[in-house]
Structure formats: structure tokens, C-alpha cells
PDB file of N, CA and C in Angstrom:
ATOM      1  N   MET A   1       6.269  -1.035   9.820  1.00  0.00           N
ATOM      2  CA  MET A   1       7.020  -1.927   8.938  1.00  0.00           C
ATOM      3  C   MET A   1       6.369  -3.302   8.823  1.00  0.00           C
ATOM      4  N   ASP A   2       5.984  -3.903   9.945  1.00  0.00           N
ATOM      5  CA  ASP A   2       5.365  -5.172  10.005  1.00  0.00           C
ATOM      6  C   ASP A   2       4.034  -5.217   9.080  1.00  0.00           C
ATOM      7  N   VAL A   3       3.311  -4.127   9.123  1.00  0.00           N
ATOM      8  CA  VAL A   3       2.148  -4.105   8.326  1.00  0.00           C
ATOM      9  C   VAL A   3       2.414  -4.244   6.879  1.00  0.00           C
ATOM     10  N   ILE A   4       3.437  -3.558   6.418  1.00  0.00           N
ATOM     11  CA  ILE A   4       3.927  -3.777   5.018  1.00  0.00           C
ATOM     12  C   ILE A   4       4.296  -5.153   4.650  1.00  0.00           C
ATOM     13  N   THR A   5       5.077  -5.687   5.591  1.00  0.00           N
ATOM     14  CA  THR A   5       5.635  -7.074   5.345  1.00  0.00           C
ATOM     15  C   THR A   5       4.422  -8.059   5.183  1.00  0.00           C
ATOM     16  N   ARG A   6       3.446  -7.927   6.039  1.00  0.00           N
ATOM     17  CA  ARG A   6       2.229  -8.839   5.966  1.00  0.00           C
ATOM     18  C   ARG A   6       1.530  -8.569   4.695  1.00  0.00           C
ATOM     19  N   MET A   7       1.505  -7.380   4.156  1.00  0.00           N
ATOM     20  CA  MET A   7       0.758  -7.054   2.960  1.00  0.00           C
ATOM     21  C   MET A   7       1.475  -7.517   1.747  1.00  0.00           C
ATOM     22  N   VAL A   8       2.797  -7.623   1.730  1.00  0.00           N
ATOM     23  CA  VAL A   8       3.514  -8.025   0.496  1.00  0.00           C
ATOM     24  C   VAL A   8       3.849  -9.442   0.554  1.00  0.00           C
ATOM     25  N   THR A   9       3.839 -10.160   1.657  1.00  0.00           N
ATOM     26  CA  THR A   9       4.206 -11.576   1.742  1.00  0.00           C
ATOM     27  C   THR A   9       3.359 -12.348   0.795  1.00  0.00           C
ATOM     28  N   ASP A  10       4.063 -13.363   0.117  1.00  0.00           N
ATOM     29  CA  ASP A  10       3.374 -14.344  -0.732  1.00  0.00           C
ATOM     30  C   ASP A  10       2.679 -13.612  -1.969  1.00  0.00           C
ATOM     31  N   ARG A  11       3.049 -12.398  -2.246  1.00  0.00           N
ATOM     32  CA  ARG A  11       2.463 -11.769  -3.472  1.00  0.00           C
ATOM     33  C   ARG A  11       3.608 -11.245  -4.282  1.00  0.00           C
ATOM     34  N   PRO A  12       3.655 -11.718  -5.603  1.00  0.00           N
ATOM     35  CA  PRO A  12       4.738 -11.372  -6.467  1.00  0.00           C
ATOM     36  C   PRO A  12       4.867  -9.914  -6.763  1.00  0.00           C
ATOM     37  N   VAL A  13       3.757  -9.226  -6.935  1.00  0.00           N
ATOM     38  CA  VAL A  13       3.807  -7.786  -7.194  1.00  0.00           C
ATOM     39  C   VAL A  13       2.729  -7.076  -6.367  1.00  0.00           C
ATOM     40  N   VAL A  14       3.158  -6.035  -5.583  1.00  0.00           N
ATOM     41  CA  VAL A  14       2.200  -5.241  -4.827  1.00  0.00           C
ATOM     42  C   VAL A  14       2.452  -3.805  -5.205  1.00  0.00           C
ATOM     43  N   ILE A  15       1.274  -3.069  -5.444  1.00  0.00           N
ATOM     44  CA  ILE A  15       1.403  -1.660  -5.700  1.00  0.00           C
ATOM     45  C   ILE A  15       0.578  -0.924  -4.646  1.00  0.00           C
ATOM     46  N   PHE A  16       1.171  -0.038  -3.870  1.00  0.00           N
ATOM     47  CA  PHE A  16       0.373   0.839  -2.983  1.00  0.00           C
ATOM     48  C   PHE A  16       0.110   2.128  -3.746  1.00  0.00           C
ATOM     49  N   SER A  17      -1.116   2.482  -3.844  1.00  0.00           N
ATOM     50  CA  SER A  17      -1.631   3.465  -4.745  1.00  0.00           C
ATOM     51  C   SER A  17      -2.664   4.374  -4.090  1.00  0.00           C
ATOM     52  N   ARG A  18      -3.156   5.384  -4.781  1.00  0.00           N
ATOM     53  CA  ARG A  18      -4.369   6.170  -4.419  1.00  0.00           C
ATOM     54  C   ARG A  18      -5.285   6.026  -5.635  1.00  0.00           C
ATOM     55  N   SER A  19      -6.461   5.978  -5.363  1.00  0.00           N
ATOM     56  CA  SER A  19      -7.479   5.802  -6.509  1.00  0.00           C
ATOM     57  C   SER A  19      -7.497   6.928  -7.434  1.00  0.00           C
ATOM     58  N   SER A  20      -7.067   8.079  -6.970  1.00  0.00           N
ATOM     59  CA  SER A  20      -7.108   9.263  -7.924  1.00  0.00           C
ATOM     60  C   SER A  20      -5.708   9.548  -8.579  1.00  0.00           C
ATOM     61  N   CYS A  21      -4.757   8.781  -8.419  1.00  0.00           N
ATOM     62  CA  CYS A  21      -3.396   8.973  -8.953  1.00  0.00           C
ATOM     63  C   CYS A  21      -3.170   8.431 -10.305  1.00  0.00           C
ATOM     64  N   CYS A  22      -3.048   9.289 -11.295  1.00  0.00           N
ATOM     65  CA  CYS A  22      -2.881   8.868 -12.607  1.00  0.00           C
ATOM     66  C   CYS A  22      -1.535   8.139 -12.873  1.00  0.00           C
ATOM     67  N   MET A  23      -0.467   8.448 -12.051  1.00  0.00           N
ATOM     68  CA  MET A  23       0.818   7.814 -12.256  1.00  0.00           C
ATOM     69  C   MET A  23       0.651   6.414 -11.686  1.00  0.00           C
ATOM     70  N   SER A  24      -0.102   6.209 -10.689  1.00  0.00           N
ATOM     71  CA  SER A  24      -0.358   4.834 -10.126  1.00  0.00           C
ATOM     72  C   SER A  24      -1.023   3.915 -11.205  1.00  0.00           C
ATOM     73  N   HIS A  25      -2.033   4.582 -11.810  1.00  0.00           N
ATOM     74  CA  HIS A  25      -2.756   3.886 -12.905  1.00  0.00           C
ATOM     75  C   HIS A  25      -1.799   3.508 -14.052  1.00  0.00           C
ATOM     76  N   SER A  26      -0.914   4.358 -14.411  1.00  0.00           N
ATOM     77  CA  SER A  26       0.064   4.058 -15.447  1.00  0.00           C
ATOM     78  C   SER A  26       1.034   2.943 -15.091  1.00  0.00           C
ATOM     79  N   ILE A  27       1.525   2.973 -13.841  1.00  0.00           N
ATOM     80  CA  ILE A  27       2.422   1.923 -13.448  1.00  0.00           C
ATOM     81  C   ILE A  27       1.745   0.605 -13.384  1.00  0.00           C
ATOM     82  N   ARG A  28       0.408   0.631 -12.872  1.00  0.00           N
ATOM     83  CA  ARG A  28      -0.284  -0.619 -12.917  1.00  0.00           C
ATOM     84  C   ARG A  28      -0.548  -1.158 -14.237  1.00  0.00           C
ATOM     85  N   SER A  29      -0.837  -0.287 -15.243  1.00  0.00           N
ATOM     86  CA  SER A  29      -0.971  -0.675 -16.651  1.00  0.00           C
ATOM     87  C   SER A  29       0.236  -1.256 -17.267  1.00  0.00           C
ATOM     88  N   LEU A  30       1.393  -0.691 -16.916  1.00  0.00           N
ATOM     89  CA  LEU A  30       2.668  -1.093 -17.411  1.00  0.00           C
ATOM     90  C   LEU A  30       2.879  -2.545 -16.929  1.00  0.00           C
ATOM     91  N   ILE A  31       2.767  -2.689 -15.662  1.00  0.00           N
ATOM     92  CA  ILE A  31       3.073  -4.050 -15.055  1.00  0.00           C
ATOM     93  C   ILE A  31       2.073  -5.079 -15.559  1.00  0.00           C
ATOM     94  N   SER A  32       0.792  -4.691 -15.628  1.00  0.00           N
ATOM     95  CA  SER A  32      -0.227  -5.626 -16.183  1.00  0.00           C
ATOM     96  C   SER A  32       0.052  -5.887 -17.726  1.00  0.00           C
ATOM     97  N   GLY A  33       0.590  -5.033 -18.377  1.00  0.00           N
ATOM     98  CA  GLY A  33       0.903  -5.347 -19.754  1.00  0.00           C
ATOM     99  C   GLY A  33       1.898  -6.427 -19.955  1.00  0.00           C
ATOM    100  N   PHE A  34       2.633  -6.769 -19.013  1.00  0.00           N
ATOM    101  CA  PHE A  34       3.553  -7.913 -19.037  1.00  0.00           C
ATOM    102  C   PHE A  34       2.814  -9.210 -18.803  1.00  0.00           C
ATOM    103  N   GLY A  35       1.509  -9.069 -18.396  1.00  0.00           N
ATOM    104  CA  GLY A  35       0.722 -10.282 -17.966  1.00  0.00           C
ATOM    105  C   GLY A  35       0.687 -10.486 -16.566  1.00  0.00           C
ATOM    106  N   ALA A  36       1.277  -9.629 -15.724  1.00  0.00           N
ATOM    107  CA  ALA A  36       1.224  -9.817 -14.335  1.00  0.00           C
ATOM    108  C   ALA A  36      -0.060  -9.334 -13.768  1.00  0.00           C
ATOM    109  N   ASN A  37      -0.496  -9.823 -12.596  1.00  0.00           N
ATOM    110  CA  ASN A  37      -1.736  -9.401 -11.959  1.00  0.00           C
ATOM    111  C   ASN A  37      -1.316  -8.856 -10.568  1.00  0.00           C
ATOM    112  N   PRO A  38      -0.902  -7.570 -10.489  1.00  0.00           N
ATOM    113  CA  PRO A  38      -0.441  -7.050  -9.268  1.00  0.00           C
ATOM    114  C   PRO A  38      -1.624  -6.917  -8.226  1.00  0.00           C
ATOM    115  N   THR A  39      -1.269  -7.020  -6.930  1.00  0.00           N
ATOM    116  CA  THR A  39      -2.068  -6.796  -5.870  1.00  0.00           C
ATOM    117  C   THR A  39      -2.003  -5.272  -5.667  1.00  0.00           C
ATOM    118  N   VAL A  40      -3.140  -4.577  -5.748  1.00  0.00           N
ATOM    119  CA  VAL A  40      -3.176  -3.094  -5.587  1.00  0.00           C
ATOM    120  C   VAL A  40      -3.891  -2.722  -4.256  1.00  0.00           C
ATOM    121  N   TYR A  41      -3.264  -1.988  -3.448  1.00  0.00           N
ATOM    122  CA  TYR A  41      -3.857  -1.467  -2.244  1.00  0.00           C
ATOM    123  C   TYR A  41      -4.067   0.012  -2.457  1.00  0.00           C
ATOM    124  N   GLU A  42      -5.284   0.467  -2.541  1.00  0.00           N
ATOM    125  CA  GLU A  42      -5.587   1.937  -2.635  1.00  0.00           C
ATOM    126  C   GLU A  42      -5.690   2.548  -1.203  1.00  0.00           C
ATOM    127  N   LEU A  43      -4.653   3.318  -0.890  1.00  0.00           N
ATOM    128  CA  LEU A  43      -4.452   3.848   0.406  1.00  0.00           C
ATOM    129  C   LEU A  43      -5.624   4.684   0.896  1.00  0.00           C
ATOM    130  N   ASP A  44      -6.342   5.315  -0.082  1.00  0.00           N
ATOM    131  CA  ASP A  44      -7.406   6.104   0.273  1.00  0.00           C
ATOM    132  C   ASP A  44      -8.711   5.373   0.479  1.00  0.00           C
ATOM    133  N   GLN A  45      -8.635   4.098   0.269  1.00  0.00           N
ATOM    134  CA  GLN A  45      -9.906   3.292   0.355  1.00  0.00           C
ATOM    135  C   GLN A  45      -9.773   2.110   1.325  1.00  0.00           C
ATOM    136  N   ILE A  46      -8.645   1.926   1.908  1.00  0.00           N
ATOM    137  CA  ILE A  46      -8.546   0.809   2.963  1.00  0.00           C
ATOM    138  C   ILE A  46      -8.535   1.388   4.358  1.00  0.00           C
ATOM    139  N   PRO A  47      -9.082   0.645   5.265  1.00  0.00           N
ATOM    140  CA  PRO A  47      -9.198   1.221   6.684  1.00  0.00           C
ATOM    141  C   PRO A  47      -7.959   1.610   7.312  1.00  0.00           C
ATOM    142  N   ASN A  48      -6.869   0.991   7.098  1.00  0.00           N
ATOM    143  CA  ASN A  48      -5.544   1.354   7.732  1.00  0.00           C
ATOM    144  C   ASN A  48      -4.627   2.095   6.719  1.00  0.00           C
ATOM    145  N   GLY A  49      -5.217   2.743   5.856  1.00  0.00           N
ATOM    146  CA  GLY A  49      -4.455   3.447   4.768  1.00  0.00           C
ATOM    147  C   GLY A  49      -3.392   4.458   5.385  1.00  0.00           C
ATOM    148  N   GLN A  50      -3.775   5.269   6.416  1.00  0.00           N
ATOM    149  CA  GLN A  50      -2.801   6.175   7.001  1.00  0.00           C
ATOM    150  C   GLN A  50      -1.691   5.398   7.589  1.00  0.00           C
ATOM    151  N   GLN A  51      -1.940   4.386   8.331  1.00  0.00           N
ATOM    152  CA  GLN A  51      -0.863   3.578   9.024  1.00  0.00           C
ATOM    153  C   GLN A  51       0.082   2.941   7.878  1.00  0.00           C
ATOM    154  N   VAL A  52      -0.456   2.523   6.821  1.00  0.00           N
ATOM    155  CA  VAL A  52       0.360   1.883   5.800  1.00  0.00           C
ATOM    156  C   VAL A  52       1.095   3.024   5.153  1.00  0.00           C
ATOM    157  N   GLU A  53       0.588   4.188   5.000  1.00  0.00           N
ATOM    158  CA  GLU A  53       1.342   5.299   4.275  1.00  0.00           C
ATOM    159  C   GLU A  53       2.534   5.641   5.220  1.00  0.00           C
ATOM    160  N   GLN A  54       2.311   5.699   6.511  1.00  0.00           N
ATOM    161  CA  GLN A  54       3.357   6.108   7.440  1.00  0.00           C
ATOM    162  C   GLN A  54       4.472   5.005   7.414  1.00  0.00           C
ATOM    163  N   ALA A  55       4.137   3.759   7.338  1.00  0.00           N
ATOM    164  CA  ALA A  55       5.194   2.676   7.192  1.00  0.00           C
ATOM    165  C   ALA A  55       5.871   2.875   5.883  1.00  0.00           C
ATOM    166  N   LEU A  56       5.200   3.196   4.916  1.00  0.00           N
ATOM    167  CA  LEU A  56       5.964   3.385   3.490  1.00  0.00           C
ATOM    168  C   LEU A  56       6.864   4.499   3.596  1.00  0.00           C
ATOM    169  N   GLN A  57       6.536   5.555   4.311  1.00  0.00           N
ATOM    170  CA  GLN A  57       7.495   6.706   4.489  1.00  0.00           C
ATOM    171  C   GLN A  57       8.671   6.349   5.244  1.00  0.00           C
ATOM    172  N   GLN A  58       8.549   5.386   6.234  1.00  0.00           N
ATOM    173  CA  GLN A  58       9.704   4.972   7.011  1.00  0.00           C
ATOM    174  C   GLN A  58      10.646   4.215   6.082  1.00  0.00           C
ATOM    175  N   LEU A  59      10.093   3.503   5.006  1.00  0.00           N
ATOM    176  CA  LEU A  59      10.965   2.874   4.009  1.00  0.00           C
ATOM    177  C   LEU A  59      11.579   3.835   3.001  1.00  0.00           C
ATOM    178  N   GLY A  60      11.281   5.068   3.102  1.00  0.00           N
ATOM    179  CA  GLY A  60      11.801   6.100   2.242  1.00  0.00           C
ATOM    180  C   GLY A  60      10.897   6.413   0.989  1.00  0.00           C
ATOM    181  N   CYS A  61       9.735   5.997   1.060  1.00  0.00           N
ATOM    182  CA  CYS A  61       8.782   6.205  -0.013  1.00  0.00           C
ATOM    183  C   CYS A  61       7.909   7.514   0.347  1.00  0.00           C
ATOM    184  N   SER A  62       8.028   8.493  -0.426  1.00  0.00           N
ATOM    185  CA  SER A  62       7.457   9.781  -0.117  1.00  0.00           C
ATOM    186  C   SER A  62       6.081  10.031  -0.815  1.00  0.00           C
ATOM    187  N   SER A  63       5.864   9.108  -1.784  1.00  0.00           N
ATOM    188  CA  SER A  63       4.592   9.312  -2.583  1.00  0.00           C
ATOM    189  C   SER A  63       4.227   7.949  -3.207  1.00  0.00           C
ATOM    190  N   VAL A  64       3.034   7.941  -3.785  1.00  0.00           N
ATOM    191  CA  VAL A  64       2.597   6.692  -4.467  1.00  0.00           C
ATOM    192  C   VAL A  64       2.712   6.914  -5.909  1.00  0.00           C
ATOM    193  N   PRO A  65       2.754   5.846  -6.759  1.00  0.00           N
ATOM    194  CA  PRO A  65       2.774   4.433  -6.281  1.00  0.00           C
ATOM    195  C   PRO A  65       4.033   4.043  -5.728  1.00  0.00           C
ATOM    196  N   ALA A  66       3.895   3.035  -4.760  1.00  0.00           N
ATOM    197  CA  ALA A  66       5.087   2.375  -4.126  1.00  0.00           C
ATOM    198  C   ALA A  66       4.939   0.934  -4.580  1.00  0.00           C
ATOM    199  N   VAL A  67       6.025   0.428  -5.227  1.00  0.00           N
ATOM    200  CA  VAL A  67       5.948  -0.886  -5.867  1.00  0.00           C
ATOM    201  C   VAL A  67       6.916  -1.821  -5.202  1.00  0.00           C
ATOM    202  N   PHE A  68       6.390  -3.096  -4.957  1.00  0.00           N
ATOM    203  CA  PHE A  68       7.152  -4.103  -4.423  1.00  0.00           C
ATOM    204  C   PHE A  68       7.008  -5.206  -5.490  1.00  0.00           C
ATOM    205  N   ILE A  69       8.249  -5.806  -5.854  1.00  0.00           N
ATOM    206  CA  ILE A  69       8.312  -7.015  -6.710  1.00  0.00           C
ATOM    207  C   ILE A  69       9.131  -8.065  -6.013  1.00  0.00           C
ATOM    208  N   GLY A  70       8.500  -9.158  -5.812  1.00  0.00           N
ATOM    209  CA  GLY A  70       9.149 -10.332  -5.028  1.00  0.00           C
ATOM    210  C   GLY A  70       9.464  -9.905  -3.676  1.00  0.00           C
ATOM    211  N   GLN A  71       8.563  -9.278  -3.049  1.00  0.00           N
ATOM    212  CA  GLN A  71       8.714  -8.762  -1.584  1.00  0.00           C
ATOM    213  C   GLN A  71       9.814  -7.711  -1.401  1.00  0.00           C
ATOM    214  N   GLN A  72      10.448  -7.254  -2.535  1.00  0.00           N
ATOM    215  CA  GLN A  72      11.521  -6.211  -2.359  1.00  0.00           C
ATOM    216  C   GLN A  72      10.913  -4.907  -2.859  1.00  0.00           C
ATOM    217  N   PHE A  73      11.210  -3.909  -2.051  1.00  0.00           N
ATOM    218  CA  PHE A  73      10.729  -2.547  -2.341  1.00  0.00           C
ATOM    219  C   PHE A  73      11.539  -2.051  -3.484  1.00  0.00           C
ATOM    220  N   ILE A  74      10.829  -1.671  -4.603  1.00  0.00           N
ATOM    221  CA  ILE A  74      11.515  -1.212  -5.837  1.00  0.00           C
ATOM    222  C   ILE A  74      11.503   0.283  -5.779  1.00  0.00           C
ATOM    223  N   GLY A  75      10.470   0.884  -5.405  1.00  0.00           N
ATOM    224  CA  GLY A  75      10.441   2.438  -5.305  1.00  0.00           C
ATOM    225  C   GLY A  75       9.158   2.828  -6.000  1.00  0.00           C
ATOM    226  N   GLY A  76       9.240   4.116  -6.517  1.00  0.00           N
ATOM    227  CA  GLY A  76       8.161   4.688  -7.102  1.00  0.00           C
ATOM    228  C   GLY A  76       8.192   4.672  -8.695  1.00  0.00           C
ATOM    229  N   PRO A  77       7.474   5.496  -9.333  1.00  0.00           N
ATOM    230  CA  PRO A  77       7.338   5.436 -10.741  1.00  0.00           C
ATOM    231  C   PRO A  77       8.721   5.664 -11.508  1.00  0.00           C
ATOM    232  N   ASN A  78       9.566   6.470 -10.958  1.00  0.00           N
ATOM    233  CA  ASN A  78      10.879   6.734 -11.618  1.00  0.00           C
ATOM    234  C   ASN A  78      11.683   5.366 -11.591  1.00  0.00           C
ATOM    235  N   GLN A  79      11.674   4.756 -10.467  1.00  0.00           N
ATOM    236  CA  GLN A  79      12.519   3.478 -10.418  1.00  0.00           C
ATOM    237  C   GLN A  79      11.932   2.353 -11.312  1.00  0.00           C
ATOM    238  N   VAL A  80      10.550   2.307 -11.383  1.00  0.00           N
ATOM    239  CA  VAL A  80       9.964   1.252 -12.279  1.00  0.00           C
ATOM    240  C   VAL A  80      10.237   1.576 -13.670  1.00  0.00           C
ATOM    241  N   MET A  81      10.100   2.873 -14.040  1.00  0.00           N
ATOM    242  CA  MET A  81      10.298   3.240 -15.467  1.00  0.00           C
ATOM    243  C   MET A  81      11.802   3.053 -15.881  1.00  0.00           C
ATOM    244  N   THR A  82      12.735   3.282 -14.900  1.00  0.00           N
ATOM    245  CA  THR A  82      14.135   3.050 -15.077  1.00  0.00           C
ATOM    246  C   THR A  82      14.332   1.551 -15.455  1.00  0.00           C
ATOM    247  N   LEU A  83      13.746   0.708 -14.643  1.00  0.00           N
ATOM    248  CA  LEU A  83      13.840  -0.785 -14.952  1.00  0.00           C
ATOM    249  C   LEU A  83      13.235  -1.137 -16.322  1.00  0.00           C
ATOM    250  N   GLN A  84      12.205  -0.460 -16.683  1.00  0.00           N
ATOM    251  CA  GLN A  84      11.628  -0.693 -18.026  1.00  0.00           C
ATOM    252  C   GLN A  84      12.504  -0.351 -19.099  1.00  0.00           C
ATOM    253  N   VAL A  85      13.091   0.923 -18.980  1.00  0.00           N
ATOM    254  CA  VAL A  85      13.969   1.501 -20.021  1.00  0.00           C
ATOM    255  C   VAL A  85      15.164   0.631 -20.137  1.00  0.00           C
ATOM    256  N   ARG A  86      15.734   0.089 -19.078  1.00  0.00           N
ATOM    257  CA  ARG A  86      16.883  -0.841 -19.096  1.00  0.00           C
ATOM    258  C   ARG A  86      16.560  -2.273 -19.351  1.00  0.00           C
ATOM    259  N   ASN A  87      15.264  -2.497 -19.712  1.00  0.00           N
ATOM    260  CA  ASN A  87      14.916  -3.829 -20.123  1.00  0.00           C
ATOM    261  C   ASN A  87      15.025  -4.858 -18.980  1.00  0.00           C
ATOM    262  N   GLN A  88      14.817  -4.393 -17.728  1.00  0.00           N
ATOM    263  CA  GLN A  88      15.046  -5.257 -16.577  1.00  0.00           C
ATOM    264  C   GLN A  88      13.754  -5.625 -15.883  1.00  0.00           C
ATOM    265  N   LEU A  89      12.661  -4.796 -16.179  1.00  0.00           N
ATOM    266  CA  LEU A  89      11.407  -5.090 -15.451  1.00  0.00           C
ATOM    267  C   LEU A  89      10.873  -6.413 -15.797  1.00  0.00           C
ATOM    268  N   GLY A  90      10.849  -6.839 -16.942  1.00  0.00           N
ATOM    269  CA  GLY A  90      10.241  -8.252 -17.272  1.00  0.00           C
ATOM    270  C   GLY A  90      11.055  -9.297 -16.595  1.00  0.00           C
ATOM    271  N   THR A  91      12.338  -9.155 -16.621  1.00  0.00           N
ATOM    272  CA  THR A  91      13.146 -10.145 -15.951  1.00  0.00           C
ATOM    273  C   THR A  91      12.855 -10.223 -14.428  1.00  0.00           C
ATOM    274  N   MET A  92      12.745  -9.022 -13.816  1.00  0.00           N
ATOM    275  CA  MET A  92      12.376  -8.982 -12.391  1.00  0.00           C
ATOM    276  C   MET A  92      11.048  -9.652 -12.127  1.00  0.00           C
ATOM    277  N   LEU A  93      10.047  -9.364 -13.013  1.00  0.00           N
ATOM    278  CA  LEU A  93       8.729  -9.979 -12.811  1.00  0.00           C
ATOM    279  C   LEU A  93       8.754 -11.510 -12.897  1.00  0.00           C
ATOM    280  N   ARG A  94       9.517 -11.925 -13.870  1.00  0.00           N
ATOM    281  CA  ARG A  94       9.697 -13.458 -14.067  1.00  0.00           C
ATOM    282  C   ARG A  94      10.316 -14.076 -12.807  1.00  0.00           C
ATOM    283  N   ARG A  95      11.412 -13.472 -12.279  1.00  0.00           N
ATOM    284  CA  ARG A  95      12.103 -14.010 -11.080  1.00  0.00           C
ATOM    285  C   ARG A  95      11.194 -13.965  -9.898  1.00  0.00           C
ATOM    286  N   ALA A  96      10.263 -13.051  -9.825  1.00  0.00           N
ATOM    287  CA  ALA A  96       9.349 -13.004  -8.707  1.00  0.00           C
ATOM    288  C   ALA A  96       8.190 -13.975  -8.837  1.00  0.00           C
ATOM    289  N   GLY A  97       8.019 -14.571 -10.020  1.00  0.00           N
ATOM    290  CA  GLY A  97       6.893 -15.475 -10.258  1.00  0.00           C
ATOM    291  C   GLY A  97       5.673 -14.799 -10.659  1.00  0.00           C
ATOM    292  N   ALA A  98       5.827 -13.537 -11.052  1.00  0.00           N
ATOM    293  CA  ALA A  98       4.588 -12.752 -11.461  1.00  0.00           C
ATOM    294  C   ALA A  98       4.164 -13.107 -12.919  1.00  0.00           C
ATOM    295  N   ILE A  99       5.123 -13.474 -13.721  1.00  0.00           N
ATOM    296  CA  ILE A  99       4.849 -13.928 -15.112  1.00  0.00           C
ATOM    297  C   ILE A  99       5.710 -15.211 -15.419  1.00  0.00           C
ATOM    298  N   TRP A 100       5.261 -15.838 -16.426  1.00  0.00           N
ATOM    299  CA  TRP A 100       5.985 -17.190 -16.716  1.00  0.00           C
ATOM    300  C   TRP A 100       6.650 -17.121 -18.008  1.00  0.00           C
ATOM    301  N   VAL A 101       6.354 -16.235 -18.868  1.00  0.00           N
ATOM    302  CA  VAL A 101       6.846 -16.154 -20.273  1.00  0.00           C
ATOM    303  C   VAL A 101       8.021 -15.288 -20.438  1.00  0.00           C
TER     304      VAL A 101
END
């Protein structure tokens, strides 16, 4: 858990991903479309990727992408898309300081 805390601290948007995951790419594109610049950790390309993945599983995340906004665990693609459909994603990104407009 501490490893996740360190990785999301002081970052408005963090996405834990896999380089080959098309859903991760879609969520990253959606968030970037708002003008945000998410920090992306590709679990299959970082040295401690397995350790990070185990910590994410302890949080209840069973797959990638795993999205944090304002250091808060949002969830996976379904949760992010639900926020978008409810017109809440932009507001959440503004509150986290990821976008200013």
C-alpha cells in the first residue's frame, strides 16, 4: 500500500496501466482530452511492476487501468466512464488541480 501512496502523492492524476492494454490507452486519451497530463505507470515496464500490481489488488483493483485522481482511488474504466457520462470527470479533474479551465 505504501508503494502506491508514494507513487500517487503530489500527482493530480495517476494511471496504472499495461503497455498492451487498449482500454488503458482509451482512458488515458479521455483524461488527456480534458487537457490533463496524467502520470502513467506501465506495470509491465517498471522494475517493481508486480509489487505495484499486488498492492493495487489489495485496494480492490483486479485489472488495469487503475485510476487515481487527487490521490483518491477512482477505480477502473467502468468507474471513469461512469464519471464521464454523469458529467463529473471534468469537475473531479479541476478539483484535483489536473486542469484549470
